[in-house]
Amino acid sequence: MKTIFSFKYASYLFIALIGVVLYMPFLGSVHLFDWDEINFAESAREMLVSGNYLDVQINYEVFWEKPPLFIWLQALSMHVFGINEFAARFPNALVGIATLMTLFSIGKKLINEKFGWIWMFAHALSVLTFLYFKSGIIDPLFNLFIFLGIYQFILFSQGDKSKWYRTGLSAFFIGLAILTKGPVALLLFLLTAFIYMLFRKKYVQFLNFKIILWYLFILAGVGGFWFILQYINGNASILQDFVTYQIRLFQTKDAGHGGFLLYHFVVVLIGLFPISIWALSGMKSIQNETATTKDFHFWMKILLWVVLVLFTIVKTKIVHYSSMAYFPVTFFGSYFLYYWLENKKQFANWMKFSLVGIAFLFGLAMSALPLIGMNASKIISSGMIKDAFANANLQAEVQWTGLEILVGIIFFSSILIAMFKVHSKRKQIITIFGATLFFTYASMIWIVPNIEAYSQRAALEFYQKVAQEKAYITTFGYKSYAQLFYSQKPFPKNPNHSNSNWLFNEITDQKVYVVTKNIKAYKFETKHPNFIKLYEKNGFVFYEKSSPIQP
């Protein structure tokens, strides 16, 4: 028993401890960010307030853009920890721990335990993957389910004797992914499997009628669970709206989230520092590799290209859309590091200069932000920034000590030293990942709260201040969910509560507050002269309705 515990479970307990140390601290230290974080947290909060756990809601109206699984987890977390930022982000901290355990387990089986540890640490300590599990967005859970679904199918394709078990598990995980974010999970899986079939010509094995029927049965039962409940409850229109929305994301720049053609390539290359640089070399497999590892390597290459090409085609460009690529990228980077340590791959000079170059960009950005903040008044008076809203943002009272500049300097210096002064391979790796961990943690503690103070804090403080009043709070000229979450909007009694025409122009049963941006203020005042301007702060302008209120 002692031997079993020591060698089978101790590693996973240690990984869990690593995950707790990495992902739990400071979860609630910064307000949730509009849109996505507040969007999902507000839907979870409204589930608790309304008692309606079947429908995903925003402003107490059906929100058909997302299925409910992640939001259910957030609602459960809020039930335990209260309605706050920590509770909204806590599920992803757990997902992060589960992800690290998963990668260690797969890596250990694929090559050996040493590779499992490298893959786990590489995924844990790269910039975006670290921040990813400290957020309140859906994608970490969504991508873990997709990855598990693909991995189980890989085992099936490699001839695992338990083919019904493997395909059933694959369908189960892809079904959970659909229940988390939608049918794009199935699209990613099918494209990856289809391209693999084209290259490996395993049509007969994959297209077995009984296997397909079994797969579809599990997939429909799990992935279609919530959709079936909606249909039974007479909400068939939600399904049509949901599908229409998914199609629109592919065809249009949703709500202004556009980007240049190679947007996601740049995001993955720079955002997954440092592992992304090593991944470029790791995409080429070594000679004399086992057939199983070569096959998995090929699957990961297909998955990476499917994600990057698919979301390049999609018109809407948001950073986390390509986050499914984090799994193959960290695999390839870890693959390189493992075989470099085994003297089977070479650390090329272009890698050194790429690591130093990206570290310089990160360091420069993090050092520049405090300098900009401390010289905000000079920048505003110089006229360098033409956007009135951005200028007003810079007027926020933010305390910079000047020591924040050291974050970028220490980070860049550490990478420079690791590349040109440290000669031990292991010490180089430890120094680079250690510097990256310092950079991300220090930025999150000292830099991100100040960025949040510029970007949205004035509005959030207003919502919190009027939260106890019986009032309607809405925005004009821009989309936001913050007024709902941070004013803790109660379940509405008046059916007109979200009718903008009624709120702006008609006699209402409660006071009405409106928040807009300074660049939209003139338009709002011209259209709605019945509102009194309360004050303006950091680019946000706050109004109160002056028309009579129905008794």
Protein backbone atom coordinates (compact mmCIF):
# COMPACT_ATOMS: atom_id res chain seq x y z
CA MET A 1 0.00 0.00 0.00
CA LYS A 2 2.81 2.40 0.89
CA THR A 3 4.60 1.68 -2.39
CA ILE A 4 1.41 2.23 -4.41
CA PHE A 5 0.77 5.55 -2.68
CA SER A 6 4.36 6.71 -3.08
CA PHE A 7 4.66 6.06 -6.78
CA LYS A 8 1.10 6.38 -8.06
CA TYR A 9 -0.57 9.12 -6.06
CA ALA A 10 2.15 11.28 -4.50
CA SER A 11 2.99 12.92 -7.84
CA TYR A 12 -0.64 13.92 -8.39
CA LEU A 13 -0.95 15.32 -4.87
CA PHE A 14 2.20 17.35 -5.50
CA ILE A 15 0.78 18.62 -8.80
CA ALA A 16 -2.45 19.57 -7.03
CA LEU A 17 -0.40 21.53 -4.50
CA ILE A 18 1.45 23.28 -7.33
CA GLY A 19 -1.89 24.18 -8.89
CA VAL A 20 -3.21 25.58 -5.62
CA VAL A 21 -0.09 27.75 -5.18
CA LEU A 22 -0.22 28.98 -8.78
CA TYR A 23 -3.92 29.51 -9.34
CA MET A 24 -5.67 30.20 -6.03
CA PRO A 25 -3.90 33.33 -4.69
CA PHE A 26 -5.24 36.76 -5.74
CA LEU A 27 -8.23 35.32 -7.63
CA GLY A 28 -10.49 38.01 -6.23
CA SER A 29 -7.99 40.87 -6.03
CA VAL A 30 -9.17 42.61 -9.22
CA HIS A 31 -12.68 43.38 -10.47
CA LEU A 32 -14.02 41.14 -13.22
CA PHE A 33 -13.34 42.49 -16.68
CA ASP A 34 -16.06 43.39 -19.16
CA TRP A 35 -17.29 41.62 -21.29
CA ASP A 36 -16.66 37.93 -20.98
CA GLU A 37 -15.76 37.56 -17.31
CA ILE A 38 -18.69 39.70 -16.16
CA ASN A 39 -21.01 38.14 -18.73
CA PHE A 40 -20.61 34.60 -17.39
CA ALA A 41 -20.48 35.66 -13.74
CA GLU A 42 -23.68 37.66 -14.15
CA SER A 43 -25.45 34.69 -15.74
CA ALA A 44 -24.41 32.56 -12.76
CA ARG A 45 -25.57 35.25 -10.31
CA GLU A 46 -28.95 35.51 -12.03
CA MET A 47 -29.38 31.75 -11.73
CA LEU A 48 -29.03 32.10 -7.96
CA VAL A 49 -31.31 35.13 -7.74
CA SER A 50 -34.05 33.83 -10.04
CA GLY A 51 -33.82 30.17 -9.07
CA ASN A 52 -33.91 29.34 -12.81
CA TYR A 53 -31.03 26.96 -13.49
CA LEU A 54 -32.29 25.73 -16.85
CA ASP A 55 -32.01 29.00 -18.77
CA VAL A 56 -28.84 31.01 -19.13
CA GLN A 57 -29.91 34.62 -18.61
CA ILE A 58 -28.52 38.13 -18.92
CA ASN A 59 -30.57 40.97 -17.46
CA TYR A 60 -33.08 38.24 -16.55
CA GLU A 61 -33.76 37.53 -20.20
CA VAL A 62 -32.81 34.35 -22.02
CA PHE A 63 -29.20 34.49 -23.22
CA TRP A 64 -28.94 31.96 -26.03
CA GLU A 65 -25.25 32.50 -26.92
CA LYS A 66 -23.84 29.95 -24.46
CA PRO A 67 -24.87 26.58 -22.97
CA PRO A 68 -24.91 26.33 -19.17
CA LEU A 69 -22.28 23.87 -17.90
CA PHE A 70 -19.54 26.34 -16.92
CA ILE A 71 -22.13 28.81 -15.63
CA TRP A 72 -23.60 26.05 -13.46
CA LEU A 73 -20.14 25.57 -11.95
CA GLN A 74 -19.85 29.30 -11.30
CA ALA A 75 -23.31 29.33 -9.70
CA LEU A 76 -22.25 26.46 -7.43
CA SER A 77 -19.05 28.32 -6.55
CA MET A 78 -21.05 31.47 -5.74
CA HIS A 79 -23.39 29.43 -3.58
CA VAL A 80 -20.36 28.35 -1.54
CA PHE A 81 -18.18 31.50 -1.57
CA GLY A 82 -20.72 34.23 -2.18
CA ILE A 83 -21.26 36.43 -5.22
CA ASN A 84 -17.81 37.86 -5.82
CA GLU A 85 -14.77 37.77 -8.09
CA PHE A 86 -13.12 34.86 -6.29
CA ALA A 87 -16.17 32.67 -6.75
CA ALA A 88 -16.45 33.57 -10.44
CA ARG A 89 -12.83 32.55 -11.09
CA PHE A 90 -12.56 29.61 -8.69
CA PRO A 91 -13.87 26.95 -11.17
CA ASN A 92 -11.03 27.72 -13.58
CA ALA A 93 -8.45 27.32 -10.82
CA LEU A 94 -9.78 23.78 -10.37
CA VAL A 95 -9.78 23.27 -14.14
CA GLY A 96 -6.13 24.37 -14.13
CA ILE A 97 -5.24 21.75 -11.54
CA ALA A 98 -7.13 19.08 -13.50
CA THR A 99 -5.35 20.14 -16.69
CA LEU A 100 -1.90 19.84 -15.11
CA MET A 101 -2.73 16.38 -13.79
CA THR A 102 -4.03 15.37 -17.22
CA LEU A 103 -0.89 16.49 -19.05
CA PHE A 104 1.39 14.79 -16.56
CA SER A 105 -0.57 11.55 -16.87
CA ILE A 106 -0.64 11.58 -20.67
CA GLY A 107 3.00 12.64 -20.94
CA LYS A 108 4.10 9.88 -18.59
CA LYS A 109 2.30 7.24 -20.65
CA LEU A 110 3.40 8.72 -23.96
CA ILE A 111 7.15 8.95 -23.29
CA ASN A 112 8.04 8.73 -19.60
CA GLU A 113 7.54 10.48 -16.26
CA LYS A 114 10.28 13.01 -16.95
CA PHE A 115 8.45 14.18 -20.07
CA GLY A 116 5.20 14.31 -18.08
CA TRP A 117 6.77 16.72 -15.59
CA ILE A 118 8.21 18.91 -18.35
CA TRP A 119 4.86 19.15 -20.17
CA MET A 120 3.02 19.90 -16.94
CA PHE A 121 5.41 22.70 -15.93
CA ALA A 122 5.62 24.11 -19.47
CA HIS A 123 1.83 24.41 -19.63
CA ALA A 124 1.60 25.80 -16.11
CA LEU A 125 4.23 28.51 -16.45
CA SER A 126 3.80 29.98 -19.93
CA VAL A 127 2.25 33.45 -19.90
CA LEU A 128 -1.23 32.93 -21.35
CA THR A 129 -1.78 29.49 -19.90
CA PHE A 130 -0.97 30.83 -16.43
CA LEU A 131 -3.34 33.79 -16.72
CA TYR A 132 -5.95 31.57 -18.38
CA PHE A 133 -6.61 29.58 -15.20
CA LYS A 134 -6.92 32.73 -13.11
CA SER A 135 -9.77 34.06 -15.23
CA GLY A 136 -13.53 33.66 -15.21
CA ILE A 137 -13.98 32.72 -18.88
CA ILE A 138 -15.44 29.52 -20.31
CA ASP A 139 -12.57 28.38 -22.52
CA PRO A 140 -10.29 26.53 -20.03
CA LEU A 141 -13.01 23.98 -19.28
CA PHE A 142 -14.18 23.89 -22.88
CA ASN A 143 -10.70 23.15 -24.22
CA LEU A 144 -9.89 20.55 -21.57
CA PHE A 145 -12.98 18.57 -22.57
CA ILE A 146 -12.10 18.80 -26.28
CA PHE A 147 -8.53 17.69 -25.61
CA LEU A 148 -9.70 14.74 -23.52
CA GLY A 149 -12.18 13.79 -26.26
CA ILE A 150 -9.46 13.87 -28.90
CA TYR A 151 -7.02 11.97 -26.68
CA GLN A 152 -9.47 9.14 -26.06
CA PHE A 153 -10.08 8.95 -29.80
CA ILE A 154 -6.32 8.85 -30.40
CA LEU A 155 -6.11 5.79 -28.13
CA PHE A 156 -8.91 4.20 -30.13
CA SER A 157 -7.15 4.98 -33.43
CA GLN A 158 -3.96 3.41 -32.11
CA GLY A 159 -5.75 0.10 -31.66
CA ASP A 160 -6.66 0.15 -27.98
CA LYS A 161 -8.50 -3.10 -27.20
CA SER A 162 -11.23 -1.25 -25.30
CA LYS A 163 -12.55 0.47 -28.42
CA TRP A 164 -16.10 0.87 -27.09
CA TYR A 165 -14.78 2.36 -23.89
CA ARG A 166 -12.43 4.76 -25.69
CA THR A 167 -14.96 5.96 -28.25
CA GLY A 168 -17.60 6.24 -25.54
CA LEU A 169 -15.29 8.39 -23.42
CA SER A 170 -14.37 10.48 -26.45
CA ALA A 171 -18.03 11.15 -27.21
CA PHE A 172 -18.69 11.85 -23.54
CA PHE A 173 -15.98 14.53 -23.33
CA ILE A 174 -16.88 16.14 -26.67
CA GLY A 175 -20.50 16.15 -25.47
CA LEU A 176 -19.43 17.95 -22.27
CA ALA A 177 -17.53 20.46 -24.41
CA ILE A 178 -20.69 21.12 -26.42
CA LEU A 179 -22.58 21.58 -23.17
CA THR A 180 -19.89 24.05 -22.09
CA LYS A 181 -19.66 26.34 -25.13
CA GLY A 182 -21.37 24.88 -28.15
CA PRO A 183 -21.01 22.87 -31.37
CA VAL A 184 -17.62 24.31 -32.34
CA ALA A 185 -16.25 21.55 -30.07
CA LEU A 186 -17.62 18.91 -32.42
CA LEU A 187 -16.35 20.86 -35.43
CA LEU A 188 -12.79 20.95 -34.05
CA PHE A 189 -12.90 17.23 -33.27
CA LEU A 190 -14.34 16.23 -36.66
CA LEU A 191 -11.91 18.36 -38.65
CA THR A 192 -8.95 16.96 -36.73
CA ALA A 193 -10.11 13.35 -37.08
CA PHE A 194 -11.04 13.78 -40.75
CA ILE A 195 -7.64 15.23 -41.70
CA TYR A 196 -5.93 12.43 -39.77
CA MET A 197 -7.96 9.88 -41.75
CA LEU A 198 -6.98 11.50 -45.04
CA PHE A 199 -3.28 11.18 -44.24
CA ARG A 200 -3.29 7.83 -42.42
CA LYS A 201 -6.03 6.20 -44.55
CA LYS A 202 -7.73 4.49 -41.59
CA TYR A 203 -11.23 4.85 -43.06
CA VAL A 204 -12.40 1.30 -42.36
CA GLN A 205 -11.45 1.41 -38.69
CA PHE A 206 -12.96 4.87 -38.16
CA LEU A 207 -16.08 4.48 -40.25
CA ASN A 208 -17.36 1.31 -38.62
CA PHE A 209 -21.15 1.74 -38.59
CA LYS A 210 -21.60 0.37 -35.06
CA ILE A 211 -18.84 2.59 -33.66
CA ILE A 212 -20.33 5.67 -35.32
CA LEU A 213 -23.80 4.83 -33.99
CA TRP A 214 -22.39 4.30 -30.48
CA TYR A 215 -20.45 7.56 -30.67
CA LEU A 216 -23.50 9.53 -31.81
CA PHE A 217 -25.66 7.97 -29.10
CA ILE A 218 -23.29 9.08 -26.31
CA LEU A 219 -22.66 12.45 -27.94
CA ALA A 220 -26.35 13.22 -28.32
CA GLY A 221 -27.15 12.10 -24.79
CA VAL A 222 -24.44 14.25 -23.18
CA GLY A 223 -24.01 17.17 -25.57
CA GLY A 224 -27.71 17.39 -26.34
CA PHE A 225 -28.88 17.05 -22.74
CA TRP A 226 -29.57 20.76 -22.15
CA PHE A 227 -30.93 21.31 -25.66
CA ILE A 228 -33.37 18.44 -25.20
CA LEU A 229 -34.53 19.92 -21.89
CA GLN A 230 -35.09 23.26 -23.61
CA TYR A 231 -37.16 21.61 -26.34
CA ILE A 232 -39.25 19.69 -23.81
CA ASN A 233 -39.89 22.96 -21.96
CA GLY A 234 -41.15 24.61 -25.14
CA ASN A 235 -38.04 26.71 -25.80
CA ALA A 236 -37.28 25.42 -29.28
CA SER A 237 -36.68 28.99 -30.50
CA ILE A 238 -33.60 29.18 -28.25
CA LEU A 239 -31.98 26.42 -30.28
CA GLN A 240 -32.55 28.29 -33.54
CA ASP A 241 -31.17 31.52 -32.06
CA PHE A 242 -28.17 29.63 -30.69
CA VAL A 243 -27.27 28.11 -34.07
CA THR A 244 -27.80 31.45 -35.83
CA TYR A 245 -25.41 33.12 -33.39
CA GLN A 246 -22.71 30.48 -33.95
CA ILE A 247 -22.93 31.01 -37.71
CA ARG A 248 -22.77 34.79 -37.29
CA LEU A 249 -19.48 34.52 -35.38
CA PHE A 250 -17.90 32.89 -38.43
CA GLN A 251 -19.27 35.43 -40.89
CA THR A 252 -19.01 38.78 -39.09
CA LYS A 253 -16.77 40.70 -36.69
CA ASP A 254 -19.01 40.28 -33.69
CA ALA A 255 -19.44 43.50 -31.74
CA GLY A 256 -16.32 45.01 -33.28
CA HIS A 257 -13.96 42.15 -32.34
CA GLY A 258 -12.01 42.18 -35.58
CA GLY A 259 -8.33 41.66 -36.27
CA PHE A 260 -5.67 41.23 -38.93
CA LEU A 261 -5.26 37.98 -40.87
CA LEU A 262 -2.50 36.38 -38.78
CA TYR A 263 -3.93 37.60 -35.47
CA HIS A 264 -4.06 34.18 -33.79
CA PHE A 265 -0.60 33.14 -35.03
CA VAL A 266 0.86 36.21 -33.31
CA VAL A 267 -1.22 35.68 -30.15
CA VAL A 268 -0.04 32.09 -29.78
CA LEU A 269 3.60 32.81 -30.63
CA ILE A 270 3.99 35.77 -28.26
CA GLY A 271 1.36 34.90 -25.67
CA LEU A 272 2.68 31.41 -24.98
CA PHE A 273 6.16 32.66 -24.16
CA PRO A 274 8.53 30.92 -23.59
CA ILE A 275 7.30 27.50 -24.68
CA SER A 276 6.07 28.69 -28.11
CA ILE A 277 9.64 29.37 -29.31
CA TRP A 278 10.77 25.85 -28.48
CA ALA A 279 7.58 24.47 -29.99
CA LEU A 280 8.68 25.60 -33.45
CA SER A 281 11.54 23.10 -33.29
CA GLY A 282 9.49 20.50 -31.45
CA MET A 283 7.04 20.25 -34.37
CA LYS A 284 9.62 18.09 -36.12
CA SER A 285 9.75 14.61 -34.57
CA ILE A 286 13.06 12.85 -33.95
CA GLN A 287 14.19 9.67 -35.64
CA ASN A 288 13.74 6.34 -33.88
CA GLU A 289 10.68 7.66 -31.99
CA THR A 290 8.12 5.06 -30.93
CA ALA A 291 5.17 4.59 -33.29
CA THR A 292 2.73 5.65 -30.57
CA THR A 293 4.57 8.90 -29.83
CA LYS A 294 4.99 9.68 -33.54
CA ASP A 295 1.29 9.16 -34.05
CA PHE A 296 0.38 11.42 -31.12
CA HIS A 297 2.84 14.01 -32.46
CA PHE A 298 1.03 13.91 -35.80
CA TRP A 299 -2.37 14.33 -34.14
CA MET A 300 -1.11 17.39 -32.26
CA LYS A 301 0.26 18.90 -35.46
CA ILE A 302 -3.13 18.50 -37.13
CA LEU A 303 -4.95 19.92 -34.11
CA LEU A 304 -2.70 22.99 -34.04
CA TRP A 305 -3.23 23.79 -37.70
CA VAL A 306 -6.98 23.14 -37.50
CA VAL A 307 -7.32 25.63 -34.64
CA LEU A 308 -5.14 28.33 -36.22
CA VAL A 309 -6.65 28.05 -39.70
CA LEU A 310 -10.25 27.76 -38.48
CA PHE A 311 -10.07 30.82 -36.24
CA THR A 312 -8.18 32.74 -38.91
CA ILE A 313 -11.21 32.17 -41.14
CA VAL A 314 -13.60 33.22 -38.37
CA LYS A 315 -14.23 36.96 -38.66
CA THR A 316 -14.54 37.54 -34.90
CA LYS A 317 -11.04 37.83 -33.39
CA ILE A 318 -10.72 37.41 -29.63
CA VAL A 319 -7.54 36.26 -27.85
CA HIS A 320 -8.99 33.14 -26.25
CA TYR A 321 -10.64 31.84 -29.44
CA SER A 322 -7.38 30.11 -30.41
CA SER A 323 -6.71 28.84 -26.87
CA MET A 324 -7.27 25.22 -27.92
CA ALA A 325 -3.86 25.59 -29.60
CA TYR A 326 -2.24 25.83 -26.16
CA PHE A 327 -2.28 22.03 -25.79
CA PRO A 328 -0.35 21.16 -28.98
CA VAL A 329 1.99 24.15 -28.59
CA THR A 330 3.00 23.22 -25.04
CA PHE A 331 3.35 19.60 -26.18
CA PHE A 332 5.74 20.53 -29.01
CA GLY A 333 7.72 22.85 -26.76
CA SER A 334 8.01 20.18 -24.08
CA TYR A 335 8.95 17.63 -26.74
CA PHE A 336 11.86 19.84 -27.76
CA LEU A 337 12.99 20.46 -24.17
CA TYR A 338 12.89 16.76 -23.33
CA TYR A 339 14.98 15.71 -26.33
CA TRP A 340 17.30 18.69 -25.93
CA LEU A 341 18.03 17.47 -22.40
CA GLU A 342 18.56 14.01 -23.92
CA ASN A 343 21.02 15.53 -26.45
CA LYS A 344 18.81 14.59 -29.39
CA LYS A 345 17.87 18.14 -30.38
CA GLN A 346 19.92 21.32 -30.67
CA PHE A 347 19.25 24.72 -29.09
CA ALA A 348 19.67 26.96 -32.17
CA ASN A 349 20.79 30.57 -32.02
CA TRP A 350 17.50 31.77 -33.53
CA MET A 351 15.78 30.41 -30.40
CA LYS A 352 18.06 32.43 -28.12
CA PHE A 353 17.44 35.64 -30.01
CA SER A 354 13.70 34.97 -30.29
CA LEU A 355 13.39 34.39 -26.55
CA VAL A 356 15.42 37.51 -25.80
CA GLY A 357 13.46 39.53 -28.38
CA ILE A 358 10.02 38.62 -27.02
CA ALA A 359 11.27 39.08 -23.45
CA PHE A 360 12.42 42.56 -24.45
CA LEU A 361 8.95 43.39 -25.82
CA PHE A 362 7.26 42.16 -22.64
CA GLY A 363 9.78 43.93 -20.43
CA LEU A 364 9.49 47.17 -22.41
CA ALA A 365 5.68 47.10 -22.23
CA MET A 366 5.63 46.43 -18.48
CA SER A 367 8.22 49.13 -17.79
CA ALA A 368 6.49 51.63 -20.07
CA LEU A 369 3.09 51.35 -18.38
CA PRO A 370 4.23 52.80 -15.03
CA LEU A 371 6.13 55.55 -16.86
CA ILE A 372 3.02 56.44 -18.84
CA GLY A 373 0.94 56.43 -15.65
CA MET A 374 3.35 58.64 -13.74
CA ASN A 375 3.50 61.10 -16.63
CA ALA A 376 -0.17 60.97 -17.56
CA SER A 377 -0.77 64.70 -17.20
CA LYS A 378 2.14 65.54 -19.52
CA ILE A 379 0.94 63.03 -22.11
CA ILE A 380 -2.59 64.45 -22.00
CA SER A 381 -1.43 68.07 -22.32
CA SER A 382 0.91 67.18 -25.19
CA GLY A 383 -2.01 66.09 -27.36
CA MET A 384 -0.29 62.81 -28.26
CA ILE A 385 -3.51 60.86 -27.67
CA LYS A 386 -6.37 62.01 -29.87
CA ASP A 387 -9.12 59.83 -28.38
CA ALA A 388 -11.05 61.79 -25.73
CA PHE A 389 -12.09 58.66 -23.83
CA ALA A 390 -8.51 57.38 -23.60
CA ASN A 391 -7.32 60.79 -22.42
CA ALA A 392 -9.96 60.81 -19.70
CA ASN A 393 -9.02 57.26 -18.69
CA LEU A 394 -5.49 58.47 -18.02
CA GLN A 395 -6.84 61.03 -15.54
CA ALA A 396 -7.74 58.25 -13.09
CA GLU A 397 -6.08 58.53 -9.69
CA VAL A 398 -3.72 55.57 -9.82
CA GLN A 399 -0.81 55.14 -7.43
CA TRP A 400 2.43 54.25 -9.17
CA THR A 401 5.50 53.95 -6.95
CA GLY A 402 7.96 53.66 -9.81
CA LEU A 403 9.16 50.31 -8.51
CA GLU A 404 6.77 48.62 -10.97
CA ILE A 405 9.30 49.40 -13.68
CA LEU A 406 11.56 46.78 -12.11
CA VAL A 407 9.15 44.00 -13.16
CA GLY A 408 10.06 44.42 -16.81
CA ILE A 409 13.72 45.09 -16.13
CA ILE A 410 14.19 42.03 -13.89
CA PHE A 411 12.31 39.81 -16.33
CA PHE A 412 14.30 40.86 -19.39
CA SER A 413 17.62 40.73 -17.51
CA SER A 414 16.85 37.20 -16.27
CA ILE A 415 16.13 35.93 -19.78
CA LEU A 416 19.27 37.63 -21.08
CA ILE A 417 21.38 36.01 -18.36
CA ALA A 418 19.77 32.61 -18.94
CA MET A 419 20.57 32.74 -22.66
CA PHE A 420 24.14 34.00 -22.55
CA LYS A 421 25.55 33.37 -19.06
CA VAL A 422 23.94 30.15 -17.82
CA HIS A 423 25.41 27.07 -19.49
CA SER A 424 23.64 24.25 -17.66
CA LYS A 425 20.57 23.15 -19.64
CA ARG A 426 18.45 22.51 -16.56
CA LYS A 427 19.44 25.83 -14.98
CA GLN A 428 18.59 27.62 -18.22
CA ILE A 429 15.12 26.12 -18.29
CA ILE A 430 14.52 26.80 -14.60
CA THR A 431 15.72 30.40 -14.94
CA ILE A 432 13.52 31.10 -17.97
CA PHE A 433 10.37 29.60 -16.46
CA GLY A 434 11.14 31.15 -13.07
CA ALA A 435 11.52 34.58 -14.66
CA THR A 436 8.27 34.09 -16.56
CA LEU A 437 6.43 33.10 -13.39
CA PHE A 438 7.81 36.17 -11.61
CA PHE A 439 6.75 38.35 -14.54
CA THR A 440 3.17 37.06 -14.74
CA TYR A 441 2.60 37.02 -10.97
CA ALA A 442 4.18 40.45 -10.40
CA SER A 443 2.23 41.93 -13.31
CA MET A 444 -0.99 40.50 -11.96
CA ILE A 445 -0.35 41.93 -8.49
CA TRP A 446 1.15 45.35 -9.31
CA ILE A 447 0.26 46.17 -12.93
CA VAL A 448 -3.16 44.67 -13.77
CA PRO A 449 -5.05 46.39 -10.89
CA ASN A 450 -3.79 49.75 -12.10
CA ILE A 451 -4.77 48.98 -15.71
CA GLU A 452 -8.22 48.05 -14.42
CA ALA A 453 -8.38 51.36 -12.55
CA TYR A 454 -7.87 53.24 -15.81
CA SER A 455 -10.18 51.13 -17.95
CA GLN A 456 -13.34 50.56 -15.89
CA ARG A 457 -13.09 51.23 -12.17
CA ALA A 458 -14.91 54.59 -12.21
CA ALA A 459 -17.99 52.93 -13.68
CA LEU A 460 -17.83 49.92 -11.35
CA GLU A 461 -17.58 52.15 -8.27
CA PHE A 462 -20.70 54.02 -9.39
CA TYR A 463 -22.64 50.77 -9.81
CA GLN A 464 -21.59 49.60 -6.36
CA LYS A 465 -22.49 52.99 -4.82
CA VAL A 466 -26.08 52.96 -6.14
CA ALA A 467 -26.58 49.21 -5.69
CA GLN A 468 -28.79 49.64 -2.61
CA GLU A 469 -31.11 52.13 -4.29
CA LYS A 470 -34.31 51.12 -6.01
CA ALA A 471 -33.21 52.18 -9.44
CA TYR A 472 -32.70 50.98 -12.98
CA ILE A 473 -29.13 51.24 -14.26
CA THR A 474 -28.26 51.00 -17.93
CA THR A 475 -25.66 52.17 -20.43
CA PHE A 476 -25.84 54.20 -23.61
CA GLY A 477 -23.62 53.91 -26.66
CA TYR A 478 -21.60 50.91 -25.56
CA LYS A 479 -22.22 47.33 -24.49
CA SER A 480 -21.60 46.29 -20.91
CA TYR A 481 -22.73 43.74 -18.33
CA ALA A 482 -20.94 45.44 -15.44
CA GLN A 483 -23.97 47.48 -14.37
CA LEU A 484 -25.88 44.24 -13.79
CA PHE A 485 -23.26 42.38 -11.74
CA TYR A 486 -21.84 45.26 -9.73
CA SER A 487 -25.21 46.81 -8.91
CA GLN A 488 -26.44 43.31 -7.98
CA LYS A 489 -29.63 43.88 -9.96
CA PRO A 490 -32.53 42.10 -8.22
CA PHE A 491 -35.11 39.99 -9.97
CA PRO A 492 -37.29 42.58 -11.77
CA LYS A 493 -40.99 42.99 -11.07
CA ASN A 494 -41.67 45.32 -13.98
CA PRO A 495 -41.65 43.64 -17.43
CA ASN A 496 -40.30 46.86 -18.96
CA HIS A 497 -37.08 46.71 -16.92
CA SER A 498 -34.90 46.16 -20.02
CA ASN A 499 -36.89 48.27 -22.49
CA SER A 500 -34.52 51.12 -23.38
CA ASN A 501 -37.28 53.26 -24.86
CA TRP A 502 -39.29 52.99 -21.63
CA LEU A 503 -36.25 53.65 -19.45
CA PHE A 504 -35.11 56.65 -21.45
CA ASN A 505 -38.38 58.28 -22.46
CA GLU A 506 -41.34 57.12 -20.37
CA ILE A 507 -42.54 57.57 -16.80
CA THR A 508 -40.91 54.81 -14.74
CA ASP A 509 -41.66 53.25 -11.38
CA GLN A 510 -38.06 53.70 -10.21
CA LYS A 511 -35.20 56.11 -10.64
CA VAL A 512 -33.13 55.56 -13.79
CA TYR A 513 -29.35 55.97 -13.98
CA VAL A 514 -27.52 55.97 -17.30
CA VAL A 515 -23.78 55.62 -17.85
CA THR A 516 -22.12 56.54 -21.11
CA LYS A 517 -18.65 57.47 -22.38
CA ASN A 518 -17.61 61.06 -22.86
CA ILE A 519 -17.41 60.55 -26.62
CA LYS A 520 -21.11 59.59 -26.59
CA ALA A 521 -22.29 62.19 -24.04
CA TYR A 522 -23.33 64.92 -26.48
CA LYS A 523 -25.42 62.48 -28.49
CA PHE A 524 -27.09 61.17 -25.34
CA GLU A 525 -27.86 64.66 -23.99
CA THR A 526 -29.29 65.73 -27.35
CA LYS A 527 -31.57 62.70 -27.60
CA HIS A 528 -32.56 62.59 -23.92
CA PRO A 529 -32.69 66.06 -22.37
CA ASN A 530 -34.86 64.72 -19.55
CA PHE A 531 -31.72 63.36 -17.82
CA ILE A 532 -29.60 65.35 -15.40
CA LYS A 533 -25.84 64.99 -15.58
CA LEU A 534 -24.51 63.94 -12.18
CA TYR A 535 -20.77 63.97 -12.83
CA GLU A 536 -18.03 62.76 -15.13
CA LYS A 537 -15.07 60.63 -14.10
CA ASN A 538 -12.24 59.04 -16.07
CA GLY A 539 -14.17 59.09 -19.34
CA PHE A 540 -17.48 57.84 -17.95
CA VAL A 541 -20.44 60.22 -17.65
CA PHE A 542 -23.25 59.51 -15.19
CA TYR A 543 -26.85 60.69 -15.54
CA GLU A 544 -30.06 60.52 -13.52
CA LYS A 545 -33.54 60.69 -14.99
CA SER A 546 -35.33 63.88 -14.08
CA SER A 547 -38.79 63.03 -15.42
CA PRO A 548 -41.60 62.22 -12.94
CA ILE A 549 -41.59 58.78 -11.36
CA GLN A 550 -44.84 56.88 -11.20
CA PRO A 551 -45.91 56.34 -7.54
